[in-house]
């Protein structure tokens, strides 16, 4: 069972690293639901809000 626990921890670590890298690539964000977007949109694909703003670094 230890092998499966070790693999599970490694998969979770990898998943978190991928999510962080993906978040770092976002260029826009919905002000209403906080969804990160990777291209400019007229409205949020998640909630339909028109409050999409560009992220500035």
PDB file of N, CA and C in Angstrom:
ATOM      1  N   UNK A   1       0.821  -1.181   0.000  1.00  0.00           N
ATOM      2  CA  UNK A   1       0.000   0.000   0.000  1.00  0.00           C
ATOM      3  C   UNK A   1       0.874   1.256   0.000  1.00  0.00           C
ATOM      4  N   UNK A   2       2.042   1.168   0.551  1.00  0.00           N
ATOM      5  CA  UNK A   2       2.950   2.312   0.611  1.00  0.00           C
ATOM      6  C   UNK A   2       3.302   2.827  -0.782  1.00  0.00           C
ATOM      7  N   UNK A   3       3.439   1.926  -1.735  1.00  0.00           N
ATOM      8  CA  UNK A   3       3.759   2.310  -3.108  1.00  0.00           C
ATOM      9  C   UNK A   3       2.652   3.199  -3.674  1.00  0.00           C
ATOM     10  N   UNK A   4       1.395   2.827  -3.439  1.00  0.00           N
ATOM     11  CA  UNK A   4       0.276   3.612  -3.949  1.00  0.00           C
ATOM     12  C   UNK A   4       0.189   4.972  -3.272  1.00  0.00           C
ATOM     13  N   UNK A   5       0.480   5.034  -1.992  1.00  0.00           N
ATOM     14  CA  UNK A   5       0.490   6.320  -1.281  1.00  0.00           C
ATOM     15  C   UNK A   5       1.578   7.227  -1.840  1.00  0.00           C
ATOM     16  N   UNK A   6       2.749   6.675  -2.097  1.00  0.00           N
ATOM     17  CA  UNK A   6       3.870   7.437  -2.646  1.00  0.00           C
ATOM     18  C   UNK A   6       3.531   7.966  -4.044  1.00  0.00           C
ATOM     19  N   UNK A   7       2.950   7.120  -4.877  1.00  0.00           N
ATOM     20  CA  UNK A   7       2.562   7.540  -6.224  1.00  0.00           C
ATOM     21  C   UNK A   7       1.488   8.622  -6.146  1.00  0.00           C
ATOM     22  N   UNK A   8       0.520   8.454  -5.250  1.00  0.00           N
ATOM     23  CA  UNK A   8      -0.541   9.446  -5.077  1.00  0.00           C
ATOM     24  C   UNK A   8       0.012  10.805  -4.681  1.00  0.00           C
ATOM     25  N   UNK A   9       0.971  10.828  -3.770  1.00  0.00           N
ATOM     26  CA  UNK A   9       1.595  12.095  -3.356  1.00  0.00           C
ATOM     27  C   UNK A   9       2.339  12.745  -4.513  1.00  0.00           C
ATOM     28  N   UNK A  10       3.051  11.938  -5.285  1.00  0.00           N
ATOM     29  CA  UNK A  10       3.800  12.481  -6.419  1.00  0.00           C
ATOM     30  C   UNK A  10       2.864  13.039  -7.484  1.00  0.00           C
ATOM     31  N   UNK A  11       1.757  12.351  -7.736  1.00  0.00           N
ATOM     32  CA  UNK A  11       0.781  12.837  -8.715  1.00  0.00           C
ATOM     33  C   UNK A  11       0.173  14.151  -8.239  1.00  0.00           C
ATOM     34  N   UNK A  12      -0.170  14.252  -6.977  1.00  0.00           N
ATOM     35  CA  UNK A  12      -0.748  15.486  -6.434  1.00  0.00           C
ATOM     36  C   UNK A  12       0.251  16.637  -6.521  1.00  0.00           C
ATOM     37  N   UNK A  13       1.511  16.391  -6.236  1.00  0.00           N
ATOM     38  CA  UNK A  13       2.544  17.419  -6.346  1.00  0.00           C
ATOM     39  C   UNK A  13       2.672  17.902  -7.788  1.00  0.00           C
ATOM     40  N   UNK A  14       2.699  16.971  -8.714  1.00  0.00           N
ATOM     41  CA  UNK A  14       2.787  17.323 -10.128  1.00  0.00           C
ATOM     42  C   UNK A  14       1.568  18.142 -10.556  1.00  0.00           C
ATOM     43  N   UNK A  15       0.389  17.731 -10.129  1.00  0.00           N
ATOM     44  CA  UNK A  15      -0.844  18.447 -10.458  1.00  0.00           C
ATOM     45  C   UNK A  15      -0.775  19.896  -9.962  1.00  0.00           C
ATOM     46  N   UNK A  16      -0.313  20.093  -8.745  1.00  0.00           N
ATOM     47  CA  UNK A  16      -0.210  21.446  -8.190  1.00  0.00           C
ATOM     48  C   UNK A  16       0.799  22.288  -8.963  1.00  0.00           C
ATOM     49  N   UNK A  17       1.918  21.697  -9.368  1.00  0.00           N
ATOM     50  CA  UNK A  17       2.923  22.423 -10.138  1.00  0.00           C
ATOM     51  C   UNK A  17       2.382  22.828 -11.504  1.00  0.00           C
ATOM     52  N   UNK A  18       1.628  21.943 -12.132  1.00  0.00           N
ATOM     53  CA  UNK A  18       1.042  22.241 -13.444  1.00  0.00           C
ATOM     54  C   UNK A  18       0.007  23.352 -13.315  1.00  0.00           C
ATOM     55  N   UNK A  19      -0.828  23.305 -12.284  1.00  0.00           N
ATOM     56  CA  UNK A  19      -1.833  24.350 -12.079  1.00  0.00           C
ATOM     57  C   UNK A  19      -1.177  25.702 -11.847  1.00  0.00           C
ATOM     58  N   UNK A  20      -0.099  25.744 -11.078  1.00  0.00           N
ATOM     59  CA  UNK A  20       0.585  27.013 -10.815  1.00  0.00           C
ATOM     60  C   UNK A  20       1.191  27.561 -12.105  1.00  0.00           C
ATOM     61  N   UNK A  21       1.821  26.709 -12.887  1.00  0.00           N
ATOM     62  CA  UNK A  21       2.411  27.148 -14.153  1.00  0.00           C
ATOM     63  C   UNK A  21       1.323  27.657 -15.086  1.00  0.00           C
ATOM     64  N   UNK A  22       0.194  26.992 -15.094  1.00  0.00           N
ATOM     65  CA  UNK A  22      -0.924  27.413 -15.932  1.00  0.00           C
ATOM     66  C   UNK A  22      -1.454  28.766 -15.476  1.00  0.00           C
ATOM     67  N   UNK A  23      -1.586  28.967 -14.171  1.00  0.00           N
ATOM     68  CA  UNK A  23      -2.046  30.248 -13.628  1.00  0.00           C
ATOM     69  C   UNK A  23      -1.097  31.380 -13.995  1.00  0.00           C
ATOM     70  N   UNK A  24       0.184  31.091 -14.045  1.00  0.00           N
ATOM     71  CA  UNK A  24       1.185  32.109 -14.376  1.00  0.00           C
ATOM     72  C   UNK A  24       1.063  32.571 -15.826  1.00  0.00           C
ATOM     73  N   UNK A  25       0.450  31.771 -16.681  1.00  0.00           N
ATOM     74  CA  UNK A  25       0.309  32.107 -18.095  1.00  0.00           C
ATOM     75  C   UNK A  25      -0.972  32.884 -18.409  1.00  0.00           C
ATOM     76  N   UNK A  26      -1.867  33.008 -17.451  1.00  0.00           N
ATOM     77  CA  UNK A  26      -3.139  33.707 -17.682  1.00  0.00           C
ATOM     78  C   UNK A  26      -2.888  35.175 -18.011  1.00  0.00           C
ATOM     79  N   UNK A  27      -3.682  35.708 -18.934  1.00  0.00           N
ATOM     80  CA  UNK A  27      -3.537  37.104 -19.337  1.00  0.00           C
ATOM     81  C   UNK A  27      -4.724  37.962 -18.922  1.00  0.00           C
ATOM     82  N   UNK A  28      -5.848  37.320 -18.589  1.00  0.00           N
ATOM     83  CA  UNK A  28      -7.059  38.038 -18.205  1.00  0.00           C
ATOM     84  C   UNK A  28      -7.736  37.304 -17.048  1.00  0.00           C
ATOM     85  N   UNK A  29      -8.647  38.031 -16.362  1.00  0.00           N
ATOM     86  CA  UNK A  29      -9.363  37.439 -15.231  1.00  0.00           C
ATOM     87  C   UNK A  29     -10.763  38.014 -15.193  1.00  0.00           C
ATOM     88  N   UNK A  30     -11.720  37.193 -14.809  1.00  0.00           N
ATOM     89  CA  UNK A  30     -13.093  37.654 -14.625  1.00  0.00           C
ATOM     90  C   UNK A  30     -13.198  38.278 -13.235  1.00  0.00           C
ATOM     91  N   UNK A  31     -13.682  39.499 -13.168  1.00  0.00           N
ATOM     92  CA  UNK A  31     -13.824  40.188 -11.884  1.00  0.00           C
ATOM     93  C   UNK A  31     -14.943  39.591 -11.039  1.00  0.00           C
ATOM     94  N   UNK A  32     -15.897  38.950 -11.671  1.00  0.00           N
ATOM     95  CA  UNK A  32     -17.046  38.394 -10.944  1.00  0.00           C
ATOM     96  C   UNK A  32     -16.727  37.054 -10.285  1.00  0.00           C
ATOM     97  N   UNK A  33     -16.224  36.091 -11.059  1.00  0.00           N
ATOM     98  CA  UNK A  33     -16.020  34.738 -10.521  1.00  0.00           C
ATOM     99  C   UNK A  33     -14.541  34.379 -10.327  1.00  0.00           C
ATOM    100  N   UNK A  34     -13.646  35.308 -10.669  1.00  0.00           N
ATOM    101  CA  UNK A  34     -12.198  35.114 -10.471  1.00  0.00           C
ATOM    102  C   UNK A  34     -11.584  34.055 -11.387  1.00  0.00           C
ATOM    103  N   UNK A  35     -12.274  33.639 -12.432  1.00  0.00           N
ATOM    104  CA  UNK A  35     -11.726  32.670 -13.378  1.00  0.00           C
ATOM    105  C   UNK A  35     -10.564  33.294 -14.143  1.00  0.00           C
ATOM    106  N   UNK A  36      -9.460  32.565 -14.248  1.00  0.00           N
ATOM    107  CA  UNK A  36      -8.320  33.023 -15.026  1.00  0.00           C
ATOM    108  C   UNK A  36      -8.529  32.636 -16.480  1.00  0.00           C
ATOM    109  N   UNK A  37      -8.205  33.551 -17.384  1.00  0.00           N
ATOM    110  CA  UNK A  37      -8.399  33.335 -18.815  1.00  0.00           C
ATOM    111  C   UNK A  37      -7.079  33.509 -19.539  1.00  0.00           C
ATOM    112  N   UNK A  38      -6.931  32.852 -20.665  1.00  0.00           N
ATOM    113  CA  UNK A  38      -5.677  32.844 -21.396  1.00  0.00           C
ATOM    114  C   UNK A  38      -5.748  33.621 -22.698  1.00  0.00           C
ATOM    115  N   UNK A  39      -6.870  34.297 -22.906  1.00  0.00           N
ATOM    116  CA  UNK A  39      -7.051  35.165 -24.073  1.00  0.00           C
ATOM    117  C   UNK A  39      -8.112  36.198 -23.706  1.00  0.00           C
ATOM    118  N   UNK A  40      -8.148  37.283 -24.426  1.00  0.00           N
ATOM    119  CA  UNK A  40      -9.143  38.308 -24.185  1.00  0.00           C
ATOM    120  C   UNK A  40     -10.518  37.783 -24.597  1.00  0.00           C
ATOM    121  N   UNK A  41     -11.505  37.993 -23.757  1.00  0.00           N
ATOM    122  CA  UNK A  41     -12.882  37.584 -24.034  1.00  0.00           C
ATOM    123  C   UNK A  41     -13.807  38.771 -23.795  1.00  0.00           C
ATOM    124  N   UNK A  42     -14.908  38.831 -24.536  1.00  0.00           N
ATOM    125  CA  UNK A  42     -15.923  39.844 -24.285  1.00  0.00           C
ATOM    126  C   UNK A  42     -16.733  39.497 -23.044  1.00  0.00           C
ATOM    127  N   UNK A  43     -16.866  38.195 -22.789  1.00  0.00           N
ATOM    128  CA  UNK A  43     -17.553  37.760 -21.578  1.00  0.00           C
ATOM    129  C   UNK A  43     -16.895  36.484 -21.051  1.00  0.00           C
ATOM    130  N   UNK A  44     -17.049  36.271 -19.765  1.00  0.00           N
ATOM    131  CA  UNK A  44     -16.447  35.111 -19.104  1.00  0.00           C
ATOM    132  C   UNK A  44     -17.138  33.837 -19.567  1.00  0.00           C
ATOM    133  N   UNK A  45     -16.368  32.834 -19.999  1.00  0.00           N
ATOM    134  CA  UNK A  45     -16.970  31.574 -20.417  1.00  0.00           C
ATOM    135  C   UNK A  45     -17.570  30.778 -19.251  1.00  0.00           C
ATOM    136  N   UNK A  46     -17.183  31.099 -18.023  1.00  0.00           N
ATOM    137  CA  UNK A  46     -17.691  30.377 -16.858  1.00  0.00           C
ATOM    138  C   UNK A  46     -19.012  30.941 -16.348  1.00  0.00           C
ATOM    139  N   UNK A  47     -19.077  32.274 -16.174  1.00  0.00           N
ATOM    140  CA  UNK A  47     -20.263  32.865 -15.552  1.00  0.00           C
ATOM    141  C   UNK A  47     -21.043  33.798 -16.469  1.00  0.00           C
ATOM    142  N   UNK A  48     -20.475  34.152 -17.627  1.00  0.00           N
ATOM    143  CA  UNK A  48     -21.168  35.021 -18.569  1.00  0.00           C
ATOM    144  C   UNK A  48     -21.014  36.503 -18.288  1.00  0.00           C
ATOM    145  N   UNK A  49     -20.286  36.865 -17.268  1.00  0.00           N
ATOM    146  CA  UNK A  49     -20.082  38.270 -16.924  1.00  0.00           C
ATOM    147  C   UNK A  49     -19.262  38.973 -17.997  1.00  0.00           C
ATOM    148  N   UNK A  50     -19.500  40.256 -18.172  1.00  0.00           N
ATOM    149  CA  UNK A  50     -18.706  41.056 -19.108  1.00  0.00           C
ATOM    150  C   UNK A  50     -17.565  41.770 -18.391  1.00  0.00           C
ATOM    151  N   UNK A  51     -17.318  41.396 -17.144  1.00  0.00           N
ATOM    152  CA  UNK A  51     -16.276  42.032 -16.334  1.00  0.00           C
ATOM    153  C   UNK A  51     -14.932  41.316 -16.464  1.00  0.00           C
ATOM    154  N   UNK A  52     -14.448  41.172 -17.678  1.00  0.00           N
ATOM    155  CA  UNK A  52     -13.155  40.535 -17.931  1.00  0.00           C
ATOM    156  C   UNK A  52     -12.102  41.633 -18.016  1.00  0.00           C
ATOM    157  N   UNK A  53     -11.068  41.524 -17.183  1.00  0.00           N
ATOM    158  CA  UNK A  53     -10.018  42.541 -17.146  1.00  0.00           C
ATOM    159  C   UNK A  53      -8.662  41.922 -17.458  1.00  0.00           C
ATOM    160  N   UNK A  54      -7.797  42.712 -18.044  1.00  0.00           N
ATOM    161  CA  UNK A  54      -6.445  42.255 -18.346  1.00  0.00           C
ATOM    162  C   UNK A  54      -5.621  42.241 -17.062  1.00  0.00           C
ATOM    163  N   UNK A  55      -4.781  41.249 -16.932  1.00  0.00           N
ATOM    164  CA  UNK A  55      -3.854  41.181 -15.804  1.00  0.00           C
ATOM    165  C   UNK A  55      -2.604  41.958 -16.197  1.00  0.00           C
ATOM    166  N   UNK A  56      -2.187  42.844 -15.328  1.00  0.00           N
ATOM    167  CA  UNK A  56      -0.947  43.584 -15.609  1.00  0.00           C
ATOM    168  C   UNK A  56       0.120  43.103 -14.638  1.00  0.00           C
ATOM    169  N   UNK A  57       1.309  43.022 -15.131  1.00  0.00           N
ATOM    170  CA  UNK A  57       2.425  42.522 -14.316  1.00  0.00           C
ATOM    171  C   UNK A  57       3.183  43.682 -13.741  1.00  0.00           C
TER     172      UNK A  57
END
